[in-house]
Amino acid sequence: TISSRKTRKQRRIEEVLEMLADSDTLIVTE
C-alpha cells in the first residue's frame, strides 16, 4: 500500500523484477 508517486524501489517493483526470470509470469489486475 503506497502511492504510485513513489519510486519503483519504494513500490517494490525493483524487488519484483529481481524475483522474475526468463519465462516467468507477472500478473496485475490493471
mmCIF file of all heavy atoms, coordinates in Angstrom:
data_MODEL
# 
_entry.id   MODEL 
# 
loop_
_atom_site.group_PDB 
_atom_site.id 
_atom_site.type_symbol 
_atom_site.label_atom_id 
_atom_site.label_alt_id 
_atom_site.label_comp_id 
_atom_site.label_asym_id 
_atom_site.label_entity_id 
_atom_site.label_seq_id 
_atom_site.pdbx_PDB_ins_code 
_atom_site.Cartn_x 
_atom_site.Cartn_y 
_atom_site.Cartn_z 
_atom_site.occupancy 
_atom_site.B_iso_or_equiv 
_atom_site.pdbx_formal_charge 
_atom_site.auth_seq_id 
_atom_site.auth_comp_id 
_atom_site.auth_asym_id 
_atom_site.auth_atom_id 
_atom_site.pdbx_PDB_model_num 
ATOM 1   N N   . THR A 1 1  ? 0.871  -1.173  0.000   1.00 0.00 ? 1  THR A N   1 
ATOM 2   C CA  . THR A 1 1  ? 0.000  0.000   0.000   1.00 0.00 ? 1  THR A CA  1 
ATOM 3   C C   . THR A 1 1  ? 0.904  1.217   0.000   1.00 0.00 ? 1  THR A C   1 
ATOM 4   O O   . THR A 1 1  ? 1.570  1.509   1.000   1.00 0.00 ? 1  THR A O   1 
ATOM 5   C CB  . THR A 1 1  ? -0.930 0.003   1.236   1.00 0.00 ? 1  THR A CB  1 
ATOM 6   O OG1 . THR A 1 1  ? -1.748 -1.160  1.184   1.00 0.00 ? 1  THR A OG1 1 
ATOM 7   C CG2 . THR A 1 1  ? -1.803 1.242   1.260   1.00 0.00 ? 1  THR A CG2 1 
ATOM 8   N N   . ILE A 1 2  ? 0.953  1.873   -1.155  1.00 0.00 ? 2  ILE A N   1 
ATOM 9   C CA  . ILE A 1 2  ? 1.835  3.033   -1.322  1.00 0.00 ? 2  ILE A CA  1 
ATOM 10  C C   . ILE A 1 2  ? 1.403  3.787   -2.568  1.00 0.00 ? 2  ILE A C   1 
ATOM 11  O O   . ILE A 1 2  ? 0.912  3.203   -3.528  1.00 0.00 ? 2  ILE A O   1 
ATOM 12  C CB  . ILE A 1 2  ? 3.320  2.581   -1.431  1.00 0.00 ? 2  ILE A CB  1 
ATOM 13  C CG1 . ILE A 1 2  ? 4.264  3.761   -1.294  1.00 0.00 ? 2  ILE A CG1 1 
ATOM 14  C CG2 . ILE A 1 2  ? 3.550  1.826   -2.720  1.00 0.00 ? 2  ILE A CG2 1 
ATOM 15  C CD1 . ILE A 1 2  ? 5.724  3.347   -1.109  1.00 0.00 ? 2  ILE A CD1 1 
ATOM 16  N N   . SER A 1 3  ? 1.601  5.069   -2.567  1.00 0.00 ? 3  SER A N   1 
ATOM 17  C CA  . SER A 1 3  ? 1.242  5.901   -3.715  1.00 0.00 ? 3  SER A CA  1 
ATOM 18  C C   . SER A 1 3  ? 2.101  5.560   -4.928  1.00 0.00 ? 3  SER A C   1 
ATOM 19  O O   . SER A 1 3  ? 3.281  5.223   -4.798  1.00 0.00 ? 3  SER A O   1 
ATOM 20  C CB  . SER A 1 3  ? 1.454  7.374   -3.352  1.00 0.00 ? 3  SER A CB  1 
ATOM 21  O OG  . SER A 1 3  ? 1.366  8.187   -4.496  1.00 0.00 ? 3  SER A OG  1 
ATOM 22  N N   . SER A 1 4  ? 1.494  5.681   -6.094  1.00 0.00 ? 4  SER A N   1 
ATOM 23  C CA  . SER A 1 4  ? 2.255  5.449   -7.325  1.00 0.00 ? 4  SER A CA  1 
ATOM 24  C C   . SER A 1 4  ? 3.270  6.557   -7.562  1.00 0.00 ? 4  SER A C   1 
ATOM 25  O O   . SER A 1 4  ? 4.124  6.437   -8.431  1.00 0.00 ? 4  SER A O   1 
ATOM 26  C CB  . SER A 1 4  ? 1.307  5.339   -8.512  1.00 0.00 ? 4  SER A CB  1 
ATOM 27  O OG  . SER A 1 4  ? 0.606  6.551   -8.691  1.00 0.00 ? 4  SER A OG  1 
ATOM 28  N N   . ARG A 1 5  ? 3.201  7.622   -6.798  1.00 0.00 ? 5  ARG A N   1 
ATOM 29  C CA  . ARG A 1 5  ? 4.174  8.722   -6.930  1.00 0.00 ? 5  ARG A CA  1 
ATOM 30  C C   . ARG A 1 5  ? 5.538  8.343   -6.374  1.00 0.00 ? 5  ARG A C   1 
ATOM 31  O O   . ARG A 1 5  ? 6.527  9.005   -6.639  1.00 0.00 ? 5  ARG A O   1 
ATOM 32  C CB  . ARG A 1 5  ? 3.659  9.964   -6.204  1.00 0.00 ? 5  ARG A CB  1 
ATOM 33  C CG  . ARG A 1 5  ? 2.467  10.583  -6.851  1.00 0.00 ? 5  ARG A CG  1 
ATOM 34  C CD  . ARG A 1 5  ? 2.079  11.882  -6.155  1.00 0.00 ? 5  ARG A CD  1 
ATOM 35  N NE  . ARG A 1 5  ? 0.973  12.485  -6.853  1.00 0.00 ? 5  ARG A NE  1 
ATOM 36  C CZ  . ARG A 1 5  ? -0.204 12.739  -6.300  1.00 0.00 ? 5  ARG A CZ  1 
ATOM 37  N NH1 . ARG A 1 5  ? -0.412 12.452  -5.036  1.00 0.00 ? 5  ARG A NH1 1 
ATOM 38  N NH2 . ARG A 1 5  ? -1.154 13.296  -7.004  1.00 0.00 ? 5  ARG A NH2 1 
ATOM 39  N N   . LYS A 1 6  ? 5.582  7.291   -5.588  1.00 0.00 ? 6  LYS A N   1 
ATOM 40  C CA  . LYS A 1 6  ? 6.846  6.842   -5.004  1.00 0.00 ? 6  LYS A CA  1 
ATOM 41  C C   . LYS A 1 6  ? 7.699  6.166   -6.080  1.00 0.00 ? 6  LYS A C   1 
ATOM 42  O O   . LYS A 1 6  ? 7.235  5.822   -7.149  1.00 0.00 ? 6  LYS A O   1 
ATOM 43  C CB  . LYS A 1 6  ? 6.586  5.871   -3.847  1.00 0.00 ? 6  LYS A CB  1 
ATOM 44  C CG  . LYS A 1 6  ? 5.753  6.451   -2.726  1.00 0.00 ? 6  LYS A CG  1 
ATOM 45  C CD  . LYS A 1 6  ? 6.441  7.602   -2.054  1.00 0.00 ? 6  LYS A CD  1 
ATOM 46  C CE  . LYS A 1 6  ? 5.612  8.137   -0.893  1.00 0.00 ? 6  LYS A CE  1 
ATOM 47  N NZ  . LYS A 1 6  ? 6.255  9.227   -0.215  1.00 0.00 ? 6  LYS A NZ  1 
ATOM 48  N N   . THR A 1 7  ? 8.959  5.958   -5.763  1.00 0.00 ? 7  THR A N   1 
ATOM 49  C CA  . THR A 1 7  ? 9.889  5.355   -6.728  1.00 0.00 ? 7  THR A CA  1 
ATOM 50  C C   . THR A 1 7  ? 9.558  3.886   -6.962  1.00 0.00 ? 7  THR A C   1 
ATOM 51  O O   . THR A 1 7  ? 8.851  3.250   -6.181  1.00 0.00 ? 7  THR A O   1 
ATOM 52  C CB  . THR A 1 7  ? 11.338 5.444   -6.217  1.00 0.00 ? 7  THR A CB  1 
ATOM 53  O OG1 . THR A 1 7  ? 11.472 4.605   -5.059  1.00 0.00 ? 7  THR A OG1 1 
ATOM 54  C CG2 . THR A 1 7  ? 11.739 6.871   -5.902  1.00 0.00 ? 7  THR A CG2 1 
ATOM 55  N N   . ARG A 1 8  ? 10.111 3.340   -8.041  1.00 0.00 ? 8  ARG A N   1 
ATOM 56  C CA  . ARG A 1 8  ? 9.926  1.917   -8.339  1.00 0.00 ? 8  ARG A CA  1 
ATOM 57  C C   . ARG A 1 8  ? 10.413 1.057   -7.181  1.00 0.00 ? 8  ARG A C   1 
ATOM 58  O O   . ARG A 1 8  ? 9.796  0.058   -6.835  1.00 0.00 ? 8  ARG A O   1 
ATOM 59  C CB  . ARG A 1 8  ? 10.691 1.529   -9.617  1.00 0.00 ? 8  ARG A CB  1 
ATOM 60  C CG  . ARG A 1 8  ? 9.975  1.894   -10.865 1.00 0.00 ? 8  ARG A CG  1 
ATOM 61  C CD  . ARG A 1 8  ? 10.735 1.679   -12.141 1.00 0.00 ? 8  ARG A CD  1 
ATOM 62  N NE  . ARG A 1 8  ? 11.523 0.463   -12.264 1.00 0.00 ? 8  ARG A NE  1 
ATOM 63  C CZ  . ARG A 1 8  ? 11.801 -0.116  -13.421 1.00 0.00 ? 8  ARG A CZ  1 
ATOM 64  N NH1 . ARG A 1 8  ? 11.338 0.385   -14.547 1.00 0.00 ? 8  ARG A NH1 1 
ATOM 65  N NH2 . ARG A 1 8  ? 12.550 -1.188  -13.472 1.00 0.00 ? 8  ARG A NH2 1 
ATOM 66  N N   . LYS A 1 9  ? 11.523 1.453   -6.580  1.00 0.00 ? 9  LYS A N   1 
ATOM 67  C CA  . LYS A 1 9  ? 12.052 0.685   -5.453  1.00 0.00 ? 9  LYS A CA  1 
ATOM 68  C C   . LYS A 1 9  ? 11.081 0.728   -4.277  1.00 0.00 ? 9  LYS A C   1 
ATOM 69  O O   . LYS A 1 9  ? 10.805 -0.309  -3.663  1.00 0.00 ? 9  LYS A O   1 
ATOM 70  C CB  . LYS A 1 9  ? 13.420 1.218   -5.037  1.00 0.00 ? 9  LYS A CB  1 
ATOM 71  C CG  . LYS A 1 9  ? 14.048 0.413   -3.934  1.00 0.00 ? 9  LYS A CG  1 
ATOM 72  C CD  . LYS A 1 9  ? 15.447 0.868   -3.615  1.00 0.00 ? 9  LYS A CD  1 
ATOM 73  C CE  . LYS A 1 9  ? 16.028 -0.027  -2.534  1.00 0.00 ? 9  LYS A CE  1 
ATOM 74  N NZ  . LYS A 1 9  ? 17.407 0.278   -2.250  1.00 0.00 ? 9  LYS A NZ  1 
ATOM 75  N N   . GLN A 1 10 ? 10.571 1.898   -3.960  1.00 0.00 ? 10 GLN A N   1 
ATOM 76  C CA  . GLN A 1 10 ? 9.634  2.019   -2.846  1.00 0.00 ? 10 GLN A CA  1 
ATOM 77  C C   . GLN A 1 10 ? 8.347  1.234   -3.108  1.00 0.00 ? 10 GLN A C   1 
ATOM 78  O O   . GLN A 1 10 ? 7.754  0.689   -2.181  1.00 0.00 ? 10 GLN A O   1 
ATOM 79  C CB  . GLN A 1 10 ? 9.298  3.491   -2.585  1.00 0.00 ? 10 GLN A CB  1 
ATOM 80  C CG  . GLN A 1 10 ? 10.453 4.283   -2.017  1.00 0.00 ? 10 GLN A CG  1 
ATOM 81  C CD  . GLN A 1 10 ? 10.162 5.772   -2.002  1.00 0.00 ? 10 GLN A CD  1 
ATOM 82  O OE1 . GLN A 1 10 ? 9.716  6.345   -2.993  1.00 0.00 ? 10 GLN A OE1 1 
ATOM 83  N NE2 . GLN A 1 10 ? 10.414 6.394   -0.863  1.00 0.00 ? 10 GLN A NE2 1 
ATOM 84  N N   . ARG A 1 11 ? 7.924  1.169   -4.366  1.00 0.00 ? 11 ARG A N   1 
ATOM 85  C CA  . ARG A 1 11 ? 6.711  0.425   -4.730  1.00 0.00 ? 11 ARG A CA  1 
ATOM 86  C C   . ARG A 1 11 ? 6.976  -1.073  -4.881  1.00 0.00 ? 11 ARG A C   1 
ATOM 87  O O   . ARG A 1 11 ? 6.104  -1.822  -5.242  1.00 0.00 ? 11 ARG A O   1 
ATOM 88  C CB  . ARG A 1 11 ? 6.119  0.983   -6.036  1.00 0.00 ? 11 ARG A CB  1 
ATOM 89  C CG  . ARG A 1 11 ? 5.567  2.381   -5.896  1.00 0.00 ? 11 ARG A CG  1 
ATOM 90  C CD  . ARG A 1 11 ? 4.792  2.835   -7.126  1.00 0.00 ? 11 ARG A CD  1 
ATOM 91  N NE  . ARG A 1 11 ? 5.251  2.338   -8.387  1.00 0.00 ? 11 ARG A NE  1 
ATOM 92  C CZ  . ARG A 1 11 ? 5.990  3.020   -9.271  1.00 0.00 ? 11 ARG A CZ  1 
ATOM 93  N NH1 . ARG A 1 11 ? 6.349  4.253   -9.017  1.00 0.00 ? 11 ARG A NH1 1 
ATOM 94  N NH2 . ARG A 1 11 ? 6.346  2.471   -10.410 1.00 0.00 ? 11 ARG A NH2 1 
ATOM 95  N N   . ARG A 1 12 ? 8.199  -1.497  -4.606  1.00 0.00 ? 12 ARG A N   1 
ATOM 96  C CA  . ARG A 1 12 ? 8.646  -2.897  -4.662  1.00 0.00 ? 12 ARG A CA  1 
ATOM 97  C C   . ARG A 1 12 ? 8.706  -3.442  -6.089  1.00 0.00 ? 12 ARG A C   1 
ATOM 98  O O   . ARG A 1 12 ? 8.834  -4.643  -6.284  1.00 0.00 ? 12 ARG A O   1 
ATOM 99  C CB  . ARG A 1 12 ? 7.779  -3.790  -3.778  1.00 0.00 ? 12 ARG A CB  1 
ATOM 100 C CG  . ARG A 1 12 ? 7.855  -3.420  -2.306  1.00 0.00 ? 12 ARG A CG  1 
ATOM 101 C CD  . ARG A 1 12 ? 7.042  -4.313  -1.425  1.00 0.00 ? 12 ARG A CD  1 
ATOM 102 N NE  . ARG A 1 12 ? 7.589  -5.673  -1.388  1.00 0.00 ? 12 ARG A NE  1 
ATOM 103 C CZ  . ARG A 1 12 ? 6.951  -6.675  -0.808  1.00 0.00 ? 12 ARG A CZ  1 
ATOM 104 N NH1 . ARG A 1 12 ? 5.798  -6.498  -0.229  1.00 0.00 ? 12 ARG A NH1 1 
ATOM 105 N NH2 . ARG A 1 12 ? 7.491  -7.886  -0.811  1.00 0.00 ? 12 ARG A NH2 1 
ATOM 106 N N   . ILE A 1 13 ? 8.676  -2.566  -7.087  1.00 0.00 ? 13 ILE A N   1 
ATOM 107 C CA  . ILE A 1 13 ? 8.800  -3.006  -8.481  1.00 0.00 ? 13 ILE A CA  1 
ATOM 108 C C   . ILE A 1 13 ? 10.189 -3.596  -8.711  1.00 0.00 ? 13 ILE A C   1 
ATOM 109 O O   . ILE A 1 13 ? 10.329 -4.633  -9.357  1.00 0.00 ? 13 ILE A O   1 
ATOM 110 C CB  . ILE A 1 13 ? 8.520  -1.837  -9.462  1.00 0.00 ? 13 ILE A CB  1 
ATOM 111 C CG1 . ILE A 1 13 ? 7.087  -1.338  -9.329  1.00 0.00 ? 13 ILE A CG1 1 
ATOM 112 C CG2 . ILE A 1 13 ? 8.862  -2.231  -10.883 1.00 0.00 ? 13 ILE A CG2 1 
ATOM 113 C CD1 . ILE A 1 13 ? 6.025  -2.275  -9.834  1.00 0.00 ? 13 ILE A CD1 1 
ATOM 114 N N   . GLU A 1 14 ? 11.215 -2.953  -8.186  1.00 0.00 ? 14 GLU A N   1 
ATOM 115 C CA  . GLU A 1 14 ? 12.579 -3.460  -8.353  1.00 0.00 ? 14 GLU A CA  1 
ATOM 116 C C   . GLU A 1 14 ? 12.709 -4.857  -7.734  1.00 0.00 ? 14 GLU A C   1 
ATOM 117 O O   . GLU A 1 14 ? 13.336 -5.740  -8.313  1.00 0.00 ? 14 GLU A O   1 
ATOM 118 C CB  . GLU A 1 14 ? 13.604 -2.505  -7.730  1.00 0.00 ? 14 GLU A CB  1 
ATOM 119 C CG  . GLU A 1 14 ? 13.664 -1.140  -8.385  1.00 0.00 ? 14 GLU A CG  1 
ATOM 120 C CD  . GLU A 1 14 ? 14.060 -1.176  -9.847  1.00 0.00 ? 14 GLU A CD  1 
ATOM 121 O OE1 . GLU A 1 14 ? 14.849 -2.072  -10.239 1.00 0.00 ? 14 GLU A OE1 1 
ATOM 122 O OE2 . GLU A 1 14 ? 13.589 -0.332  -10.608 1.00 0.00 ? 14 GLU A OE2 1 
ATOM 123 N N   . GLU A 1 15 ? 12.105 -5.050  -6.583  1.00 0.00 ? 15 GLU A N   1 
ATOM 124 C CA  . GLU A 1 15 ? 12.115 -6.361  -5.923  1.00 0.00 ? 15 GLU A CA  1 
ATOM 125 C C   . GLU A 1 15 ? 11.450 -7.419  -6.804  1.00 0.00 ? 15 GLU A C   1 
ATOM 126 O O   . GLU A 1 15 ? 11.964 -8.526  -6.960  1.00 0.00 ? 15 GLU A O   1 
ATOM 127 C CB  . GLU A 1 15 ? 11.378 -6.252  -4.586  1.00 0.00 ? 15 GLU A CB  1 
ATOM 128 C CG  . GLU A 1 15 ? 11.258 -7.533  -3.826  1.00 0.00 ? 15 GLU A CG  1 
ATOM 129 C CD  . GLU A 1 15 ? 10.423 -7.374  -2.563  1.00 0.00 ? 15 GLU A CD  1 
ATOM 130 O OE1 . GLU A 1 15 ? 10.299 -6.247  -2.046  1.00 0.00 ? 15 GLU A OE1 1 
ATOM 131 O OE2 . GLU A 1 15 ? 9.897  -8.395  -2.096  1.00 0.00 ? 15 GLU A OE2 1 
ATOM 132 N N   . VAL A 1 16 ? 10.315 -7.068  -7.391  1.00 0.00 ? 16 VAL A N   1 
ATOM 133 C CA  . VAL A 1 16 ? 9.605  -7.994  -8.273  1.00 0.00 ? 16 VAL A CA  1 
ATOM 134 C C   . VAL A 1 16 ? 10.459 -8.329  -9.489  1.00 0.00 ? 16 VAL A C   1 
ATOM 135 O O   . VAL A 1 16 ? 10.556 -9.491  -9.893  1.00 0.00 ? 16 VAL A O   1 
ATOM 136 C CB  . VAL A 1 16 ? 8.235  -7.407  -8.692  1.00 0.00 ? 16 VAL A CB  1 
ATOM 137 C CG1 . VAL A 1 16 ? 7.593  -8.232  -9.795  1.00 0.00 ? 16 VAL A CG1 1 
ATOM 138 C CG2 . VAL A 1 16 ? 7.311  -7.310  -7.490  1.00 0.00 ? 16 VAL A CG2 1 
ATOM 139 N N   . LEU A 1 17 ? 11.085 -7.317  -10.071 1.00 0.00 ? 17 LEU A N   1 
ATOM 140 C CA  . LEU A 1 17 ? 11.943 -7.547  -11.236 1.00 0.00 ? 17 LEU A CA  1 
ATOM 141 C C   . LEU A 1 17 ? 13.078 -8.512  -10.909 1.00 0.00 ? 17 LEU A C   1 
ATOM 142 O O   . LEU A 1 17 ? 13.452 -9.346  -11.735 1.00 0.00 ? 17 LEU A O   1 
ATOM 143 C CB  . LEU A 1 17 ? 12.502 -6.229  -11.757 1.00 0.00 ? 17 LEU A CB  1 
ATOM 144 C CG  . LEU A 1 17 ? 11.490 -5.282  -12.401 1.00 0.00 ? 17 LEU A CG  1 
ATOM 145 C CD1 . LEU A 1 17 ? 12.141 -3.954  -12.752 1.00 0.00 ? 17 LEU A CD1 1 
ATOM 146 C CD2 . LEU A 1 17 ? 10.851 -5.920  -13.621 1.00 0.00 ? 17 LEU A CD2 1 
ATOM 147 N N   . GLU A 1 18 ? 13.629 -8.418  -9.702  1.00 0.00 ? 18 GLU A N   1 
ATOM 148 C CA  . GLU A 1 18 ? 14.704 -9.319  -9.299  1.00 0.00 ? 18 GLU A CA  1 
ATOM 149 C C   . GLU A 1 18 ? 14.192 -10.740 -9.099  1.00 0.00 ? 18 GLU A C   1 
ATOM 150 O O   . GLU A 1 18 ? 14.935 -11.702 -9.289  1.00 0.00 ? 18 GLU A O   1 
ATOM 151 C CB  . GLU A 1 18 ? 15.360 -8.806  -8.013  1.00 0.00 ? 18 GLU A CB  1 
ATOM 152 C CG  . GLU A 1 18 ? 16.175 -7.551  -8.221  1.00 0.00 ? 18 GLU A CG  1 
ATOM 153 C CD  . GLU A 1 18 ? 16.720 -6.967  -6.926  1.00 0.00 ? 18 GLU A CD  1 
ATOM 154 O OE1 . GLU A 1 18 ? 16.607 -7.622  -5.864  1.00 0.00 ? 18 GLU A OE1 1 
ATOM 155 O OE2 . GLU A 1 18 ? 17.249 -5.849  -6.970  1.00 0.00 ? 18 GLU A OE2 1 
ATOM 156 N N   . MET A 1 19 ? 12.936 -10.882 -8.714  1.00 0.00 ? 19 MET A N   1 
ATOM 157 C CA  . MET A 1 19 ? 12.344 -12.201 -8.481  1.00 0.00 ? 19 MET A CA  1 
ATOM 158 C C   . MET A 1 19 ? 12.050 -12.929 -9.792  1.00 0.00 ? 19 MET A C   1 
ATOM 159 O O   . MET A 1 19 ? 12.054 -14.160 -9.826  1.00 0.00 ? 19 MET A O   1 
ATOM 160 C CB  . MET A 1 19 ? 11.034 -12.061 -7.695  1.00 0.00 ? 19 MET A CB  1 
ATOM 161 C CG  . MET A 1 19 ? 11.202 -11.508 -6.304  1.00 0.00 ? 19 MET A CG  1 
ATOM 162 S SD  . MET A 1 19 ? 9.626  -11.007 -5.575  1.00 0.00 ? 19 MET A SD  1 
ATOM 163 C CE  . MET A 1 19 ? 8.851  -12.593 -5.319  1.00 0.00 ? 19 MET A CE  1 
ATOM 164 N N   . LEU A 1 20 ? 11.778 -12.171 -10.846 1.00 0.00 ? 20 LEU A N   1 
ATOM 165 C CA  . LEU A 1 20 ? 11.346 -12.745 -12.116 1.00 0.00 ? 20 LEU A CA  1 
ATOM 166 C C   . LEU A 1 20 ? 12.529 -13.165 -12.984 1.00 0.00 ? 20 LEU A C   1 
ATOM 167 O O   . LEU A 1 20 ? 13.522 -12.444 -13.084 1.00 0.00 ? 20 LEU A O   1 
ATOM 168 C CB  . LEU A 1 20 ? 10.485 -11.740 -12.882 1.00 0.00 ? 20 LEU A CB  1 
ATOM 169 C CG  . LEU A 1 20 ? 9.127  -11.431 -12.267 1.00 0.00 ? 20 LEU A CG  1 
ATOM 170 C CD1 . LEU A 1 20 ? 8.553  -10.152 -12.864 1.00 0.00 ? 20 LEU A CD1 1 
ATOM 171 C CD2 . LEU A 1 20 ? 8.174  -12.597 -12.467 1.00 0.00 ? 20 LEU A CD2 1 
ATOM 172 N N   . ALA A 1 21 ? 12.385 -14.322 -13.598 1.00 0.00 ? 21 ALA A N   1 
ATOM 173 C CA  . ALA A 1 21 ? 13.407 -14.836 -14.509 1.00 0.00 ? 21 ALA A CA  1 
ATOM 174 C C   . ALA A 1 21 ? 12.760 -15.145 -15.860 1.00 0.00 ? 21 ALA A C   1 
ATOM 175 O O   . ALA A 1 21 ? 11.541 -15.065 -16.017 1.00 0.00 ? 21 ALA A O   1 
ATOM 176 C CB  . ALA A 1 21 ? 14.046 -16.093 -13.921 1.00 0.00 ? 21 ALA A CB  1 
ATOM 177 N N   . ASP A 1 22 ? 13.578 -15.522 -16.813 1.00 0.00 ? 22 ASP A N   1 
ATOM 178 C CA  . ASP A 1 22 ? 13.125 -15.891 -18.149 1.00 0.00 ? 22 ASP A CA  1 
ATOM 179 C C   . ASP A 1 22 ? 11.965 -16.889 -18.067 1.00 0.00 ? 22 ASP A C   1 
ATOM 180 O O   . ASP A 1 22 ? 12.030 -17.851 -17.300 1.00 0.00 ? 22 ASP A O   1 
ATOM 181 C CB  . ASP A 1 22 ? 14.303 -16.499 -18.913 1.00 0.00 ? 22 ASP A CB  1 
ATOM 182 C CG  . ASP A 1 22 ? 13.973 -16.785 -20.354 1.00 0.00 ? 22 ASP A CG  1 
ATOM 183 O OD1 . ASP A 1 22 ? 13.521 -15.875 -21.055 1.00 0.00 ? 22 ASP A OD1 1 
ATOM 184 O OD2 . ASP A 1 22 ? 14.160 -17.945 -20.768 1.00 0.00 ? 22 ASP A OD2 1 
ATOM 185 N N   . SER A 1 23 ? 10.905 -16.626 -18.815 1.00 0.00 ? 23 SER A N   1 
ATOM 186 C CA  . SER A 1 23 ? 9.711  -17.482 -18.902 1.00 0.00 ? 23 SER A CA  1 
ATOM 187 C C   . SER A 1 23 ? 8.779  -17.407 -17.692 1.00 0.00 ? 23 SER A C   1 
ATOM 188 O O   . SER A 1 23 ? 7.810  -18.152 -17.618 1.00 0.00 ? 23 SER A O   1 
ATOM 189 C CB  . SER A 1 23 ? 10.074 -18.943 -19.166 1.00 0.00 ? 23 SER A CB  1 
ATOM 190 O OG  . SER A 1 23 ? 10.767 -19.034 -20.387 1.00 0.00 ? 23 SER A OG  1 
ATOM 191 N N   . ASP A 1 24 ? 9.060  -16.536 -16.741 1.00 0.00 ? 24 ASP A N   1 
ATOM 192 C CA  . ASP A 1 24 ? 8.147  -16.339 -15.615 1.00 0.00 ? 24 ASP A CA  1 
ATOM 193 C C   . ASP A 1 24 ? 6.968  -15.486 -16.056 1.00 0.00 ? 24 ASP A C   1 
ATOM 194 O O   . ASP A 1 24 ? 6.958  -14.923 -17.158 1.00 0.00 ? 24 ASP A O   1 
ATOM 195 C CB  . ASP A 1 24 ? 8.854  -15.655 -14.446 1.00 0.00 ? 24 ASP A CB  1 
ATOM 196 C CG  . ASP A 1 24 ? 9.791  -16.582 -13.690 1.00 0.00 ? 24 ASP A CG  1 
ATOM 197 O OD1 . ASP A 1 24 ? 9.762  -17.800 -13.945 1.00 0.00 ? 24 ASP A OD1 1 
ATOM 198 O OD2 . ASP A 1 24 ? 10.554 -16.076 -12.846 1.00 0.00 ? 24 ASP A OD2 1 
ATOM 199 N N   . THR A 1 25 ? 5.977  -15.383 -15.168 1.00 0.00 ? 25 THR A N   1 
ATOM 200 C CA  . THR A 1 25 ? 4.766  -14.610 -15.453 1.00 0.00 ? 25 THR A CA  1 
ATOM 201 C C   . THR A 1 25 ? 4.514  -13.624 -14.327 1.00 0.00 ? 25 THR A C   1 
ATOM 202 O O   . THR A 1 25 ? 4.630  -13.974 -13.150 1.00 0.00 ? 25 THR A O   1 
ATOM 203 C CB  . THR A 1 25 ? 3.549  -15.543 -15.599 1.00 0.00 ? 25 THR A CB  1 
ATOM 204 O OG1 . THR A 1 25 ? 3.801  -16.468 -16.663 1.00 0.00 ? 25 THR A OG1 1 
ATOM 205 C CG2 . THR A 1 25 ? 2.284  -14.775 -15.890 1.00 0.00 ? 25 THR A CG2 1 
ATOM 206 N N   . LEU A 1 26 ? 4.148  -12.407 -14.706 1.00 0.00 ? 26 LEU A N   1 
ATOM 207 C CA  . LEU A 1 26 ? 3.733  -11.375 -13.759 1.00 0.00 ? 26 LEU A CA  1 
ATOM 208 C C   . LEU A 1 26 ? 2.268  -11.061 -14.030 1.00 0.00 ? 26 LEU A C   1 
ATOM 209 O O   . LEU A 1 26 ? 1.882  -10.802 -15.169 1.00 0.00 ? 26 LEU A O   1 
ATOM 210 C CB  . LEU A 1 26 ? 4.572  -10.107 -13.925 1.00 0.00 ? 26 LEU A CB  1 
ATOM 211 C CG  . LEU A 1 26 ? 4.145  -8.901  -13.085 1.00 0.00 ? 26 LEU A CG  1 
ATOM 212 C CD1 . LEU A 1 26 ? 4.300  -9.193  -11.591 1.00 0.00 ? 26 LEU A CD1 1 
ATOM 213 C CD2 . LEU A 1 26 ? 4.939  -7.667  -13.486 1.00 0.00 ? 26 LEU A CD2 1 
ATOM 214 N N   . ILE A 1 27 ? 1.451  -11.083 -12.972 1.00 0.00 ? 27 ILE A N   1 
ATOM 215 C CA  . ILE A 1 27 ? 0.028  -10.787 -13.108 1.00 0.00 ? 27 ILE A CA  1 
ATOM 216 C C   . ILE A 1 27 ? -0.311 -9.563  -12.271 1.00 0.00 ? 27 ILE A C   1 
ATOM 217 O O   . ILE A 1 27 ? 0.098  -9.451  -11.111 1.00 0.00 ? 27 ILE A O   1 
ATOM 218 C CB  . ILE A 1 27 ? -0.838 -11.968 -12.629 1.00 0.00 ? 27 ILE A CB  1 
ATOM 219 C CG1 . ILE A 1 27 ? -0.558 -13.214 -13.454 1.00 0.00 ? 27 ILE A CG1 1 
ATOM 220 C CG2 . ILE A 1 27 ? -2.319 -11.609 -12.692 1.00 0.00 ? 27 ILE A CG2 1 
ATOM 221 C CD1 . ILE A 1 27 ? -1.326 -14.437 -12.990 1.00 0.00 ? 27 ILE A CD1 1 
ATOM 222 N N   . VAL A 1 28 ? -1.071 -8.637  -12.874 1.00 0.00 ? 28 VAL A N   1 
ATOM 223 C CA  . VAL A 1 28 ? -1.634 -7.488  -12.161 1.00 0.00 ? 28 VAL A CA  1 
ATOM 224 C C   . VAL A 1 28 ? -3.088 -7.341  -12.581 1.00 0.00 ? 28 VAL A C   1 
ATOM 225 O O   . VAL A 1 28 ? -3.487 -7.801  -13.653 1.00 0.00 ? 28 VAL A O   1 
ATOM 226 C CB  . VAL A 1 28 ? -0.868 -6.184  -12.452 1.00 0.00 ? 28 VAL A CB  1 
ATOM 227 C CG1 . VAL A 1 28 ? 0.547  -6.231  -11.910 1.00 0.00 ? 28 VAL A CG1 1 
ATOM 228 C CG2 . VAL A 1 28 ? -0.845 -5.858  -13.928 1.00 0.00 ? 28 VAL A CG2 1 
ATOM 229 N N   . THR A 1 29 ? -3.872 -6.694  -11.732 1.00 0.00 ? 29 THR A N   1 
ATOM 230 C CA  . THR A 1 29 ? -5.288 -6.535  -12.058 1.00 0.00 ? 29 THR A CA  1 
ATOM 231 C C   . THR A 1 29 ? -5.523 -5.434  -13.074 1.00 0.00 ? 29 THR A C   1 
ATOM 232 O O   . THR A 1 29 ? -6.505 -5.469  -13.804 1.00 0.00 ? 29 THR A O   1 
ATOM 233 C CB  . THR A 1 29 ? -6.127 -6.250  -10.806 1.00 0.00 ? 29 THR A CB  1 
ATOM 234 O OG1 . THR A 1 29 ? -5.601 -5.092  -10.146 1.00 0.00 ? 29 THR A OG1 1 
ATOM 235 C CG2 . THR A 1 29 ? -6.111 -7.439  -9.868  1.00 0.00 ? 29 THR A CG2 1 
ATOM 236 N N   . GLU A 1 30 ? -4.629 -4.443  -13.112 1.00 0.00 ? 30 GLU A N   1 
ATOM 237 C CA  . GLU A 1 30 ? -4.743 -3.373  -14.107 1.00 0.00 ? 30 GLU A CA  1 
ATOM 238 C C   . GLU A 1 30 ? -3.397 -2.690  -14.279 1.00 0.00 ? 30 GLU A C   1 
ATOM 239 O O   . GLU A 1 30 ? -2.555 -2.723  -13.383 1.00 0.00 ? 30 GLU A O   1 
ATOM 240 C CB  . GLU A 1 30 ? -5.824 -2.368  -13.723 1.00 0.00 ? 30 GLU A CB  1 
ATOM 241 C CG  . GLU A 1 30 ? -5.659 -1.758  -12.357 1.00 0.00 ? 30 GLU A CG  1 
ATOM 242 C CD  . GLU A 1 30 ? -6.835 -0.898  -11.949 1.00 0.00 ? 30 GLU A CD  1 
ATOM 243 O OE1 . GLU A 1 30 ? -7.891 -1.441  -11.617 1.00 0.00 ? 30 GLU A OE1 1 
ATOM 244 O OE2 . GLU A 1 30 ? -6.664 0.333   -11.970 1.00 0.00 ? 30 GLU A OE2 1 
# 
